[in-house]
Amino acid sequence: MSTRRTFTKEFKRHVVEDILSGGTTTAAACRKYAVAYPVVARWKKDYALGRLDNEPTTPEGYQEKIAELERKVGQLTMENDVLKKVLKQTQSQKARSAPIYPVTFPRSEASGGGVS
């Protein structure tokens, strides 16, 4: 049984950019890097959608990027709301549980320690 090979995003991006720049054809790149044609075709699609740590090159890629950013904004907004709520609760608990000590002033004369 053969093991499945994995490639880094940098390697995939390098192969696709080599093809897109006209430096080589897809078939030649497949032979050069010993990667199957459908795999490289999938990498080209991922590159177009901006999934290889690059800017998208198609409208679908931009839509996917926008959706991802909107999800992130929603997540950060929820986290911000939770933190504000916790801060408000903590401040109100501190205000309610603050000990009230009577104000006392130090005596200016030393006490003799008994009844006079």
PDB file of N, CA and C in Angstrom:
ATOM      1  N   MET A   1       0.837  -1.170   0.000  1.00  0.00           N
ATOM      2  CA  MET A   1       0.000   0.000   0.000  1.00  0.00           C
ATOM      3  C   MET A   1       0.888   1.242   0.000  1.00  0.00           C
ATOM      4  N   SER A   2       0.621   2.148  -0.904  1.00  0.00           N
ATOM      5  CA  SER A   2       1.458   3.341  -1.006  1.00  0.00           C
ATOM      6  C   SER A   2       0.975   4.418  -0.038  1.00  0.00           C
ATOM      7  N   THR A   3       1.916   5.248   0.357  1.00  0.00           N
ATOM      8  CA  THR A   3       1.555   6.341   1.253  1.00  0.00           C
ATOM      9  C   THR A   3       1.115   7.540   0.417  1.00  0.00           C
ATOM     10  N   ARG A   4       0.260   8.309   0.974  1.00  0.00           N
ATOM     11  CA  ARG A   4      -0.255   9.486   0.288  1.00  0.00           C
ATOM     12  C   ARG A   4       0.722  10.642   0.477  1.00  0.00           C
ATOM     13  N   ARG A   5       1.084  11.288  -0.614  1.00  0.00           N
ATOM     14  CA  ARG A   5       2.007  12.409  -0.537  1.00  0.00           C
ATOM     15  C   ARG A   5       1.232  13.685  -0.226  1.00  0.00           C
ATOM     16  N   THR A   6       1.886  14.546   0.491  1.00  0.00           N
ATOM     17  CA  THR A   6       1.288  15.857   0.773  1.00  0.00           C
ATOM     18  C   THR A   6       2.261  16.929   0.289  1.00  0.00           C
ATOM     19  N   PHE A   7       1.712  18.021  -0.162  1.00  0.00           N
ATOM     20  CA  PHE A   7       2.512  19.119  -0.676  1.00  0.00           C
ATOM     21  C   PHE A   7       2.136  20.388   0.074  1.00  0.00           C
ATOM     22  N   THR A   8       3.116  21.240   0.262  1.00  0.00           N
ATOM     23  CA  THR A   8       2.855  22.506   0.943  1.00  0.00           C
ATOM     24  C   THR A   8       2.146  23.465  -0.005  1.00  0.00           C
ATOM     25  N   LYS A   9       1.507  24.466   0.589  1.00  0.00           N
ATOM     26  CA  LYS A   9       0.843  25.485  -0.224  1.00  0.00           C
ATOM     27  C   LYS A   9       1.863  26.237  -1.070  1.00  0.00           C
ATOM     28  N   GLU A  10       3.054  26.432  -0.529  1.00  0.00           N
ATOM     29  CA  GLU A  10       4.096  27.140  -1.268  1.00  0.00           C
ATOM     30  C   GLU A  10       4.490  26.372  -2.523  1.00  0.00           C
ATOM     31  N   PHE A  11       4.634  25.039  -2.391  1.00  0.00           N
ATOM     32  CA  PHE A  11       4.997  24.219  -3.540  1.00  0.00           C
ATOM     33  C   PHE A  11       3.890  24.250  -4.593  1.00  0.00           C
ATOM     34  N   LYS A  12       2.658  24.087  -4.141  1.00  0.00           N
ATOM     35  CA  LYS A  12       1.525  24.111  -5.076  1.00  0.00           C
ATOM     36  C   LYS A  12       1.469  25.442  -5.812  1.00  0.00           C
ATOM     37  N   ARG A  13       1.617  26.535  -5.054  1.00  0.00           N
ATOM     38  CA  ARG A  13       1.580  27.862  -5.662  1.00  0.00           C
ATOM     39  C   ARG A  13       2.726  28.033  -6.661  1.00  0.00           C
ATOM     40  N   HIS A  14       3.900  27.519  -6.324  1.00  0.00           N
ATOM     41  CA  HIS A  14       5.048  27.610  -7.223  1.00  0.00           C
ATOM     42  C   HIS A  14       4.766  26.889  -8.537  1.00  0.00           C
ATOM     43  N   VAL A  15       4.218  25.685  -8.461  1.00  0.00           N
ATOM     44  CA  VAL A  15       3.913  24.908  -9.671  1.00  0.00           C
ATOM     45  C   VAL A  15       2.888  25.649 -10.520  1.00  0.00           C
ATOM     46  N   VAL A  16       1.828  26.126  -9.911  1.00  0.00           N
ATOM     47  CA  VAL A  16       0.766  26.815 -10.658  1.00  0.00           C
ATOM     48  C   VAL A  16       1.284  28.112 -11.267  1.00  0.00           C
ATOM     49  N   GLU A  17       2.047  28.877 -10.513  1.00  0.00           N
ATOM     50  CA  GLU A  17       2.580  30.127 -11.045  1.00  0.00           C
ATOM     51  C   GLU A  17       3.562  29.878 -12.188  1.00  0.00           C
ATOM     52  N   ASP A  18       4.289  28.780 -12.121  1.00  0.00           N
ATOM     53  CA  ASP A  18       5.175  28.408 -13.224  1.00  0.00           C
ATOM     54  C   ASP A  18       4.365  28.134 -14.489  1.00  0.00           C
ATOM     55  N   ILE A  19       3.244  27.468 -14.333  1.00  0.00           N
ATOM     56  CA  ILE A  19       2.378  27.171 -15.481  1.00  0.00           C
ATOM     57  C   ILE A  19       1.731  28.447 -16.004  1.00  0.00           C
ATOM     58  N   LEU A  20       1.184  29.263 -15.101  1.00  0.00           N
ATOM     59  CA  LEU A  20       0.474  30.465 -15.521  1.00  0.00           C
ATOM     60  C   LEU A  20       1.397  31.517 -16.139  1.00  0.00           C
ATOM     61  N   SER A  21       2.654  31.527 -15.730  1.00  0.00           N
ATOM     62  CA  SER A  21       3.587  32.503 -16.297  1.00  0.00           C
ATOM     63  C   SER A  21       4.036  32.115 -17.697  1.00  0.00           C
ATOM     64  N   GLY A  22       3.690  30.917 -18.120  1.00  0.00           N
ATOM     65  CA  GLY A  22       4.082  30.453 -19.453  1.00  0.00           C
ATOM     66  C   GLY A  22       5.447  29.799 -19.465  1.00  0.00           C
ATOM     67  N   GLY A  23       6.026  29.591 -18.296  1.00  0.00           N
ATOM     68  CA  GLY A  23       7.338  28.956 -18.211  1.00  0.00           C
ATOM     69  C   GLY A  23       7.298  27.494 -18.616  1.00  0.00           C
ATOM     70  N   THR A  24       6.164  26.867 -18.439  1.00  0.00           N
ATOM     71  CA  THR A  24       6.009  25.456 -18.780  1.00  0.00           C
ATOM     72  C   THR A  24       4.531  25.159 -19.008  1.00  0.00           C
ATOM     73  N   THR A  25       4.270  24.044 -19.635  1.00  0.00           N
ATOM     74  CA  THR A  25       2.882  23.618 -19.826  1.00  0.00           C
ATOM     75  C   THR A  25       2.463  22.768 -18.645  1.00  0.00           C
ATOM     76  N   THR A  26       1.173  22.528 -18.544  1.00  0.00           N
ATOM     77  CA  THR A  26       0.668  21.701 -17.446  1.00  0.00           C
ATOM     78  C   THR A  26       1.239  20.300 -17.530  1.00  0.00           C
ATOM     79  N   ALA A  27       1.263  19.737 -18.721  1.00  0.00           N
ATOM     80  CA  ALA A  27       1.789  18.375 -18.890  1.00  0.00           C
ATOM     81  C   ALA A  27       3.271  18.305 -18.525  1.00  0.00           C
ATOM     82  N   ALA A  28       4.041  19.312 -18.948  1.00  0.00           N
ATOM     83  CA  ALA A  28       5.467  19.323 -18.626  1.00  0.00           C
ATOM     84  C   ALA A  28       5.684  19.476 -17.116  1.00  0.00           C
ATOM     85  N   ALA A  29       4.866  20.302 -16.479  1.00  0.00           N
ATOM     86  CA  ALA A  29       4.977  20.476 -15.026  1.00  0.00           C
ATOM     87  C   ALA A  29       4.636  19.172 -14.309  1.00  0.00           C
ATOM     88  N   CYS A  30       3.646  18.452 -14.804  1.00  0.00           N
ATOM     89  CA  CYS A  30       3.283  17.168 -14.197  1.00  0.00           C
ATOM     90  C   CYS A  30       4.451  16.194 -14.273  1.00  0.00           C
ATOM     91  N   ARG A  31       5.113  16.156 -15.409  1.00  0.00           N
ATOM     92  CA  ARG A  31       6.275  15.268 -15.553  1.00  0.00           C
ATOM     93  C   ARG A  31       7.435  15.742 -14.687  1.00  0.00           C
ATOM     94  N   LYS A  32       7.693  17.032 -14.700  1.00  0.00           N
ATOM     95  CA  LYS A  32       8.827  17.589 -13.958  1.00  0.00           C
ATOM     96  C   LYS A  32       8.709  17.325 -12.458  1.00  0.00           C
ATOM     97  N   TYR A  33       7.505  17.536 -11.913  1.00  0.00           N
ATOM     98  CA  TYR A  33       7.306  17.392 -10.463  1.00  0.00           C
ATOM     99  C   TYR A  33       6.703  16.050 -10.068  1.00  0.00           C
ATOM    100  N   ALA A  34       6.474  15.161 -11.028  1.00  0.00           N
ATOM    101  CA  ALA A  34       5.928  13.822 -10.799  1.00  0.00           C
ATOM    102  C   ALA A  34       4.595  13.891 -10.041  1.00  0.00           C
ATOM    103  N   VAL A  35       3.703  14.713 -10.586  1.00  0.00           N
ATOM    104  CA  VAL A  35       2.378  14.896 -10.003  1.00  0.00           C
ATOM    105  C   VAL A  35       1.346  14.614 -11.097  1.00  0.00           C
ATOM    106  N   ALA A  36       0.264  13.964 -10.743  1.00  0.00           N
ATOM    107  CA  ALA A  36      -0.775  13.622 -11.716  1.00  0.00           C
ATOM    108  C   ALA A  36      -1.471  14.878 -12.237  1.00  0.00           C
ATOM    109  N   TYR A  37      -1.921  14.805 -13.478  1.00  0.00           N
ATOM    110  CA  TYR A  37      -2.578  15.938 -14.137  1.00  0.00           C
ATOM    111  C   TYR A  37      -3.809  16.426 -13.365  1.00  0.00           C
ATOM    112  N   PRO A  38      -4.707  15.519 -12.895  1.00  0.00           N
ATOM    113  CA  PRO A  38      -5.876  16.020 -12.145  1.00  0.00           C
ATOM    114  C   PRO A  38      -5.496  16.758 -10.858  1.00  0.00           C
ATOM    115  N   VAL A  39      -4.395  16.362 -10.259  1.00  0.00           N
ATOM    116  CA  VAL A  39      -3.943  17.035  -9.036  1.00  0.00           C
ATOM    117  C   VAL A  39      -3.539  18.469  -9.361  1.00  0.00           C
ATOM    118  N   VAL A  40      -2.773  18.643 -10.432  1.00  0.00           N
ATOM    119  CA  VAL A  40      -2.347  19.983 -10.834  1.00  0.00           C
ATOM    120  C   VAL A  40      -3.558  20.811 -11.264  1.00  0.00           C
ATOM    121  N   ALA A  41      -4.517  20.183 -11.933  1.00  0.00           N
ATOM    122  CA  ALA A  41      -5.736  20.902 -12.323  1.00  0.00           C
ATOM    123  C   ALA A  41      -6.481  21.404 -11.089  1.00  0.00           C
ATOM    124  N   ARG A  42      -6.529  20.588 -10.030  1.00  0.00           N
ATOM    125  CA  ARG A  42      -7.179  21.011  -8.777  1.00  0.00           C
ATOM    126  C   ARG A  42      -6.402  22.156  -8.141  1.00  0.00           C
ATOM    127  N   TRP A  43      -5.076  22.106  -8.212  1.00  0.00           N
ATOM    128  CA  TRP A  43      -4.253  23.184  -7.664  1.00  0.00           C
ATOM    129  C   TRP A  43      -4.515  24.485  -8.414  1.00  0.00           C
ATOM    130  N   LYS A  44      -4.672  24.384  -9.729  1.00  0.00           N
ATOM    131  CA  LYS A  44      -4.959  25.584 -10.520  1.00  0.00           C
ATOM    132  C   LYS A  44      -6.303  26.184 -10.121  1.00  0.00           C
ATOM    133  N   LYS A  45      -7.286  25.330  -9.861  1.00  0.00           N
ATOM    134  CA  LYS A  45      -8.599  25.816  -9.422  1.00  0.00           C
ATOM    135  C   LYS A  45      -8.480  26.471  -8.040  1.00  0.00           C
ATOM    136  N   ASP A  46      -7.751  25.812  -7.137  1.00  0.00           N
ATOM    137  CA  ASP A  46      -7.549  26.378  -5.795  1.00  0.00           C
ATOM    138  C   ASP A  46      -6.816  27.709  -5.873  1.00  0.00           C
ATOM    139  N   TYR A  47      -5.859  27.822  -6.774  1.00  0.00           N
ATOM    140  CA  TYR A  47      -5.124  29.076  -6.962  1.00  0.00           C
ATOM    141  C   TYR A  47      -6.072  30.174  -7.432  1.00  0.00           C
ATOM    142  N   ALA A  48      -6.931  29.837  -8.369  1.00  0.00           N
ATOM    143  CA  ALA A  48      -7.881  30.825  -8.895  1.00  0.00           C
ATOM    144  C   ALA A  48      -8.836  31.301  -7.810  1.00  0.00           C
ATOM    145  N   LEU A  49      -9.156  30.433  -6.861  1.00  0.00           N
ATOM    146  CA  LEU A  49     -10.063  30.796  -5.773  1.00  0.00           C
ATOM    147  C   LEU A  49      -9.328  31.440  -4.590  1.00  0.00           C
ATOM    148  N   GLY A  50      -8.001  31.517  -4.664  1.00  0.00           N
ATOM    149  CA  GLY A  50      -7.234  32.156  -3.599  1.00  0.00           C
ATOM    150  C   GLY A  50      -7.004  31.268  -2.399  1.00  0.00           C
ATOM    151  N   ARG A  51      -7.005  29.965  -2.581  1.00  0.00           N
ATOM    152  CA  ARG A  51      -6.841  29.037  -1.456  1.00  0.00           C
ATOM    153  C   ARG A  51      -5.391  28.658  -1.193  1.00  0.00           C
ATOM    154  N   LEU A  52      -4.474  29.146  -2.000  1.00  0.00           N
ATOM    155  CA  LEU A  52      -3.061  28.804  -1.811  1.00  0.00           C
ATOM    156  C   LEU A  52      -2.282  29.992  -1.256  1.00  0.00           C
ATOM    157  N   ASP A  53      -2.883  30.686  -0.321  1.00  0.00           N
ATOM    158  CA  ASP A  53      -2.282  31.871   0.299  1.00  0.00           C
ATOM    159  C   ASP A  53      -1.921  32.926  -0.749  1.00  0.00           C
ATOM    160  N   ASN A  54      -2.816  33.112  -1.698  1.00  0.00           N
ATOM    161  CA  ASN A  54      -2.623  34.120  -2.726  1.00  0.00           C
ATOM    162  C   ASN A  54      -3.929  34.883  -2.893  1.00  0.00           C
ATOM    163  N   GLU A  55      -3.869  35.973  -3.623  1.00  0.00           N
ATOM    164  CA  GLU A  55      -5.091  36.724  -3.914  1.00  0.00           C
ATOM    165  C   GLU A  55      -5.903  35.960  -4.958  1.00  0.00           C
ATOM    166  N   PRO A  56      -7.218  35.916  -4.807  1.00  0.00           N
ATOM    167  CA  PRO A  56      -8.050  35.234  -5.797  1.00  0.00           C
ATOM    168  C   PRO A  56      -7.936  35.907  -7.164  1.00  0.00           C
ATOM    169  N   THR A  57      -8.161  35.113  -8.205  1.00  0.00           N
ATOM    170  CA  THR A  57      -8.080  35.657  -9.557  1.00  0.00           C
ATOM    171  C   THR A  57      -9.402  35.554 -10.292  1.00  0.00           C
ATOM    172  N   THR A  58     -10.439  35.024  -9.639  1.00  0.00           N
ATOM    173  CA  THR A  58     -11.745  34.892 -10.276  1.00  0.00           C
ATOM    174  C   THR A  58     -12.811  35.532  -9.398  1.00  0.00           C
ATOM    175  N   PRO A  59     -13.956  35.881  -9.981  1.00  0.00           N
ATOM    176  CA  PRO A  59     -15.052  36.433  -9.159  1.00  0.00           C
ATOM    177  C   PRO A  59     -15.514  35.457  -8.073  1.00  0.00           C
ATOM    178  N   GLU A  60     -15.503  34.168  -8.385  1.00  0.00           N
ATOM    179  CA  GLU A  60     -15.892  33.175  -7.371  1.00  0.00           C
ATOM    180  C   GLU A  60     -14.913  33.192  -6.202  1.00  0.00           C
ATOM    181  N   GLY A  61     -13.637  33.385  -6.518  1.00  0.00           N
ATOM    182  CA  GLY A  61     -12.625  33.461  -5.471  1.00  0.00           C
ATOM    183  C   GLY A  61     -12.828  34.668  -4.578  1.00  0.00           C
ATOM    184  N   TYR A  62     -13.181  35.800  -5.200  1.00  0.00           N
ATOM    185  CA  TYR A  62     -13.451  37.000  -4.403  1.00  0.00           C
ATOM    186  C   TYR A  62     -14.684  36.820  -3.534  1.00  0.00           C
ATOM    187  N   GLN A  63     -15.701  36.164  -4.063  1.00  0.00           N
ATOM    188  CA  GLN A  63     -16.905  35.905  -3.267  1.00  0.00           C
ATOM    189  C   GLN A  63     -16.578  35.006  -2.074  1.00  0.00           C
ATOM    190  N   GLU A  64     -15.746  34.005  -2.299  1.00  0.00           N
ATOM    191  CA  GLU A  64     -15.340  33.117  -1.215  1.00  0.00           C
ATOM    192  C   GLU A  64     -14.539  33.877  -0.165  1.00  0.00           C
ATOM    193  N   LYS A  65     -13.665  34.754  -0.618  1.00  0.00           N
ATOM    194  CA  LYS A  65     -12.854  35.560   0.309  1.00  0.00           C
ATOM    195  C   LYS A  65     -13.739  36.506   1.120  1.00  0.00           C
ATOM    196  N   ILE A  66     -14.726  37.123   0.470  1.00  0.00           N
ATOM    197  CA  ILE A  66     -15.659  38.012   1.165  1.00  0.00           C
ATOM    198  C   ILE A  66     -16.449  37.247   2.219  1.00  0.00           C
ATOM    199  N   ALA A  67     -16.928  36.059   1.854  1.00  0.00           N
ATOM    200  CA  ALA A  67     -17.686  35.242   2.809  1.00  0.00           C
ATOM    201  C   ALA A  67     -16.822  34.865   4.009  1.00  0.00           C
ATOM    202  N   GLU A  68     -15.560  34.527   3.752  1.00  0.00           N
ATOM    203  CA  GLU A  68     -14.647  34.183   4.843  1.00  0.00           C
ATOM    204  C   GLU A  68     -14.426  35.379   5.765  1.00  0.00           C
ATOM    205  N   LEU A  69     -14.238  36.559   5.177  1.00  0.00           N
ATOM    206  CA  LEU A  69     -14.031  37.760   5.990  1.00  0.00           C
ATOM    207  C   LEU A  69     -15.287  38.135   6.769  1.00  0.00           C
ATOM    208  N   GLU A  70     -16.465  37.934   6.173  1.00  0.00           N
ATOM    209  CA  GLU A  70     -17.714  38.215   6.886  1.00  0.00           C
ATOM    210  C   GLU A  70     -17.885  37.268   8.063  1.00  0.00           C
ATOM    211  N   ARG A  71     -17.515  35.994   7.889  1.00  0.00           N
ATOM    212  CA  ARG A  71     -17.572  35.046   9.012  1.00  0.00           C
ATOM    213  C   ARG A  71     -16.641  35.491  10.133  1.00  0.00           C
ATOM    214  N   LYS A  72     -15.450  35.939   9.750  1.00  0.00           N
ATOM    215  CA  LYS A  72     -14.476  36.384  10.749  1.00  0.00           C
ATOM    216  C   LYS A  72     -14.979  37.621  11.500  1.00  0.00           C
ATOM    217  N   VAL A  73     -15.577  38.565  10.783  1.00  0.00           N
ATOM    218  CA  VAL A  73     -16.140  39.765  11.418  1.00  0.00           C
ATOM    219  C   VAL A  73     -17.240  39.367  12.400  1.00  0.00           C
ATOM    220  N   GLY A  74     -18.102  38.445  11.995  1.00  0.00           N
ATOM    221  CA  GLY A  74     -19.172  37.977  12.881  1.00  0.00           C
ATOM    222  C   GLY A  74     -18.619  37.332  14.134  1.00  0.00           C
ATOM    223  N   GLN A  75     -17.591  36.499  13.965  1.00  0.00           N
ATOM    224  CA  GLN A  75     -16.979  35.831  15.108  1.00  0.00           C
ATOM    225  C   GLN A  75     -16.357  36.855  16.058  1.00  0.00           C
ATOM    226  N   LEU A  76     -15.625  37.814  15.511  1.00  0.00           N
ATOM    227  CA  LEU A  76     -14.988  38.822  16.356  1.00  0.00           C
ATOM    228  C   LEU A  76     -16.018  39.710  17.051  1.00  0.00           C
ATOM    229  N   THR A  77     -17.125  40.002  16.375  1.00  0.00           N
ATOM    230  CA  THR A  77     -18.187  40.795  16.984  1.00  0.00           C
ATOM    231  C   THR A  77     -18.792  40.052  18.174  1.00  0.00           C
ATOM    232  N   MET A  78     -19.027  38.747  17.993  1.00  0.00           N
ATOM    233  CA  MET A  78     -19.582  37.951  19.097  1.00  0.00           C
ATOM    234  C   MET A  78     -18.608  37.912  20.269  1.00  0.00           C
ATOM    235  N   GLU A  79     -17.322  37.696  19.989  1.00  0.00           N
ATOM    236  CA  GLU A  79     -16.328  37.664  21.059  1.00  0.00           C
ATOM    237  C   GLU A  79     -16.261  39.019  21.779  1.00  0.00           C
ATOM    238  N   ASN A  80     -16.336  40.094  21.029  1.00  0.00           N
ATOM    239  CA  ASN A  80     -16.303  41.435  21.602  1.00  0.00           C
ATOM    240  C   ASN A  80     -17.505  41.655  22.516  1.00  0.00           C
ATOM    241  N   ASP A  81     -18.694  41.231  22.061  1.00  0.00           N
ATOM    242  CA  ASP A  81     -19.901  41.376  22.882  1.00  0.00           C
ATOM    243  C   ASP A  81     -19.787  40.580  24.179  1.00  0.00           C
ATOM    244  N   VAL A  82     -19.251  39.359  24.096  1.00  0.00           N
ATOM    245  CA  VAL A  82     -19.087  38.540  25.297  1.00  0.00           C
ATOM    246  C   VAL A  82     -18.117  39.206  26.264  1.00  0.00           C
ATOM    247  N   LEU A  83     -17.003  39.712  25.745  1.00  0.00           N
ATOM    248  CA  LEU A  83     -16.022  40.368  26.613  1.00  0.00           C
ATOM    249  C   LEU A  83     -16.595  41.616  27.270  1.00  0.00           C
ATOM    250  N   LYS A  84     -17.379  42.392  26.523  1.00  0.00           N
ATOM    251  CA  LYS A  84     -18.015  43.576  27.110  1.00  0.00           C
ATOM    252  C   LYS A  84     -18.977  43.172  28.224  1.00  0.00           C
ATOM    253  N   LYS A  85     -19.741  42.105  28.009  1.00  0.00           N
ATOM    254  CA  LYS A  85     -20.706  41.645  29.004  1.00  0.00           C
ATOM    255  C   LYS A  85     -19.986  41.165  30.266  1.00  0.00           C
ATOM    256  N   VAL A  86     -18.902  40.422  30.090  1.00  0.00           N
ATOM    257  CA  VAL A  86     -18.142  39.933  31.242  1.00  0.00           C
ATOM    258  C   VAL A  86     -17.526  41.102  31.997  1.00  0.00           C
ATOM    259  N   LEU A  87     -16.995  42.080  31.277  1.00  0.00           N
ATOM    260  CA  LEU A  87     -16.411  43.249  31.926  1.00  0.00           C
ATOM    261  C   LEU A  87     -17.457  44.010  32.731  1.00  0.00           C
ATOM    262  N   LYS A  88     -18.639  44.174  32.159  1.00  0.00           N
ATOM    263  CA  LYS A  88     -19.712  44.886  32.846  1.00  0.00           C
ATOM    264  C   LYS A  88     -20.131  44.131  34.114  1.00  0.00           C
ATOM    265  N   GLN A  89     -20.250  42.795  34.016  1.00  0.00           N
ATOM    266  CA  GLN A  89     -20.626  41.993  35.186  1.00  0.00           C
ATOM    267  C   GLN A  89     -19.555  42.066  36.257  1.00  0.00           C
ATOM    268  N   THR A  90     -18.302  42.016  35.849  1.00  0.00           N
ATOM    269  CA  THR A  90     -17.202  42.080  36.810  1.00  0.00           C
ATOM    270  C   THR A  90     -17.185  43.420  37.528  1.00  0.00           C
ATOM    271  N   GLN A  91     -17.404  44.478  36.786  1.00  0.00           N
ATOM    272  CA  GLN A  91     -17.413  45.806  37.402  1.00  0.00           C
ATOM    273  C   GLN A  91     -18.589  45.956  38.360  1.00  0.00           C
ATOM    274  N   SER A  92     -19.749  45.428  38.007  1.00  0.00           N
ATOM    275  CA  SER A  92     -20.908  45.550  38.898  1.00  0.00           C
ATOM    276  C   SER A  92     -20.719  44.690  40.141  1.00  0.00           C
ATOM    277  N   GLN A  93     -20.079  43.527  40.014  1.00  0.00           N
ATOM    278  CA  GLN A  93     -19.819  42.687  41.184  1.00  0.00           C
ATOM    279  C   GLN A  93     -18.826  43.357  42.122  1.00  0.00           C
ATOM    280  N   LYS A  94     -17.820  44.010  41.557  1.00  0.00           N
ATOM    281  CA  LYS A  94     -16.850  44.716  42.399  1.00  0.00           C
ATOM    282  C   LYS A  94     -17.534  45.847  43.153  1.00  0.00           C
ATOM    283  N   ALA A  95     -18.433  46.542  42.480  1.00  0.00           N
ATOM    284  CA  ALA A  95     -19.122  47.659  43.121  1.00  0.00           C
ATOM    285  C   ALA A  95     -20.022  47.160  44.249  1.00  0.00           C
ATOM    286  N   ARG A  96     -20.678  46.020  44.028  1.00  0.00           N
ATOM    287  CA  ARG A  96     -21.591  45.495  45.049  1.00  0.00           C
ATOM    288  C   ARG A  96     -20.850  44.864  46.217  1.00  0.00           C
ATOM    289  N   SER A  97     -19.719  44.244  45.960  1.00  0.00           N
ATOM    290  CA  SER A  97     -19.033  43.515  47.015  1.00  0.00           C
ATOM    291  C   SER A  97     -17.896  44.298  47.656  1.00  0.00           C
ATOM    292  N   ALA A  98     -17.786  45.566  47.366  1.00  0.00           N
ATOM    293  CA  ALA A  98     -16.732  46.377  47.967  1.00  0.00           C
ATOM    294  C   ALA A  98     -16.995  46.497  49.459  1.00  0.00           C
ATOM    295  N   PRO A  99     -16.019  46.153  50.264  1.00  0.00           N
ATOM    296  CA  PRO A  99     -16.221  46.243  51.710  1.00  0.00           C
ATOM    297  C   PRO A  99     -16.337  47.708  52.148  1.00  0.00           C
ATOM    298  N   ILE A 100     -17.213  47.910  53.108  1.00  0.00           N
ATOM    299  CA  ILE A 100     -17.416  49.254  53.637  1.00  0.00           C
ATOM    300  C   ILE A 100     -16.801  49.283  55.029  1.00  0.00           C
ATOM    301  N   TYR A 101     -15.738  50.032  55.155  1.00  0.00           N
ATOM    302  CA  TYR A 101     -15.060  50.149  56.425  1.00  0.00           C
ATOM    303  C   TYR A 101     -15.381  51.520  57.009  1.00  0.00           C
ATOM    304  N   PRO A 102     -15.592  51.553  58.324  1.00  0.00           N
ATOM    305  CA  PRO A 102     -15.810  52.869  58.934  1.00  0.00           C
ATOM    306  C   PRO A 102     -14.526  53.694  58.851  1.00  0.00           C
ATOM    307  N   VAL A 103     -14.700  54.945  58.679  1.00  0.00           N
ATOM    308  CA  VAL A 103     -13.545  55.826  58.581  1.00  0.00           C
ATOM    309  C   VAL A 103     -13.067  56.118  59.995  1.00  0.00           C
ATOM    310  N   THR A 104     -11.830  55.781  60.243  1.00  0.00           N
ATOM    311  CA  THR A 104     -11.246  56.053  61.558  1.00  0.00           C
ATOM    312  C   THR A 104      -9.985  56.859  61.351  1.00  0.00           C
ATOM    313  N   PHE A 105      -9.742  57.704  62.317  1.00  0.00           N
ATOM    314  CA  PHE A 105      -8.560  58.544  62.252  1.00  0.00           C
ATOM    315  C   PHE A 105      -7.618  58.110  63.363  1.00  0.00           C
ATOM    316  N   PRO A 106      -6.351  58.179  63.118  1.00  0.00           N
ATOM    317  CA  PRO A 106      -5.415  57.802  64.180  1.00  0.00           C
ATOM    318  C   PRO A 106      -5.469  58.791  65.323  1.00  0.00           C
ATOM    319  N   ARG A 107      -5.287  58.284  66.495  1.00  0.00           N
ATOM    320  CA  ARG A 107      -5.302  59.145  67.666  1.00  0.00           C
ATOM    321  C   ARG A 107      -3.970  59.881  67.766  1.00  0.00           C
ATOM    322  N   SER A 108      -4.062  61.087  68.186  1.00  0.00           N
ATOM    323  CA  SER A 108      -2.839  61.865  68.298  1.00  0.00           C
ATOM    324  C   SER A 108      -2.116  61.600  69.598  1.00  0.00           C
ATOM    325  N   GLU A 109      -2.832  61.146  70.637  1.00  0.00           N
ATOM    326  CA  GLU A 109      -2.200  60.863  71.928  1.00  0.00           C
ATOM    327  C   GLU A 109      -2.191  59.368  72.131  1.00  0.00           C
ATOM    328  N   ALA A 110      -1.146  58.916  72.732  1.00  0.00           N
ATOM    329  CA  ALA A 110      -1.046  57.509  73.040  1.00  0.00           C
ATOM    330  C   ALA A 110      -1.949  57.193  74.218  1.00  0.00           C
ATOM    331  N   SER A 111      -2.618  56.096  74.127  1.00  0.00           N
ATOM    332  CA  SER A 111      -3.529  55.706  75.171  1.00  0.00           C
ATOM    333  C   SER A 111      -2.757  55.082  76.320  1.00  0.00           C
ATOM    334  N   GLY A 112      -3.216  55.364  77.512  1.00  0.00           N
ATOM    335  CA  GLY A 112      -2.562  54.812  78.695  1.00  0.00           C
ATOM    336  C   GLY A 112      -2.939  53.371  78.919  1.00  0.00           C
ATOM    337  N   GLY A 113      -3.973  52.927  78.314  1.00  0.00           N
ATOM    338  CA  GLY A 113      -4.343  51.536  78.424  1.00  0.00           C
ATOM    339  C   GLY A 113      -5.295  51.253  79.561  1.00  0.00           C
ATOM    340  N   GLY A 114      -5.832  52.201  80.179  1.00  0.00           N
ATOM    341  CA  GLY A 114      -6.755  51.933  81.253  1.00  0.00           C
ATOM    342  C   GLY A 114      -7.763  53.045  81.413  1.00  0.00           C
ATOM    343  N   VAL A 115      -8.596  52.889  82.445  1.00  0.00           N
ATOM    344  CA  VAL A 115      -9.613  53.889  82.705  1.00  0.00           C
ATOM    345  C   VAL A 115      -9.003  54.924  83.630  1.00  0.00           C
ATOM    346  N   SER A 116      -9.203  56.177  83.342  1.00  0.00           N
ATOM    347  CA  SER A 116      -8.635  57.183  84.216  1.00  0.00           C
ATOM    348  C   SER A 116      -9.703  57.849  85.022  1.00  0.00           C
TER     349      SER A 116
END
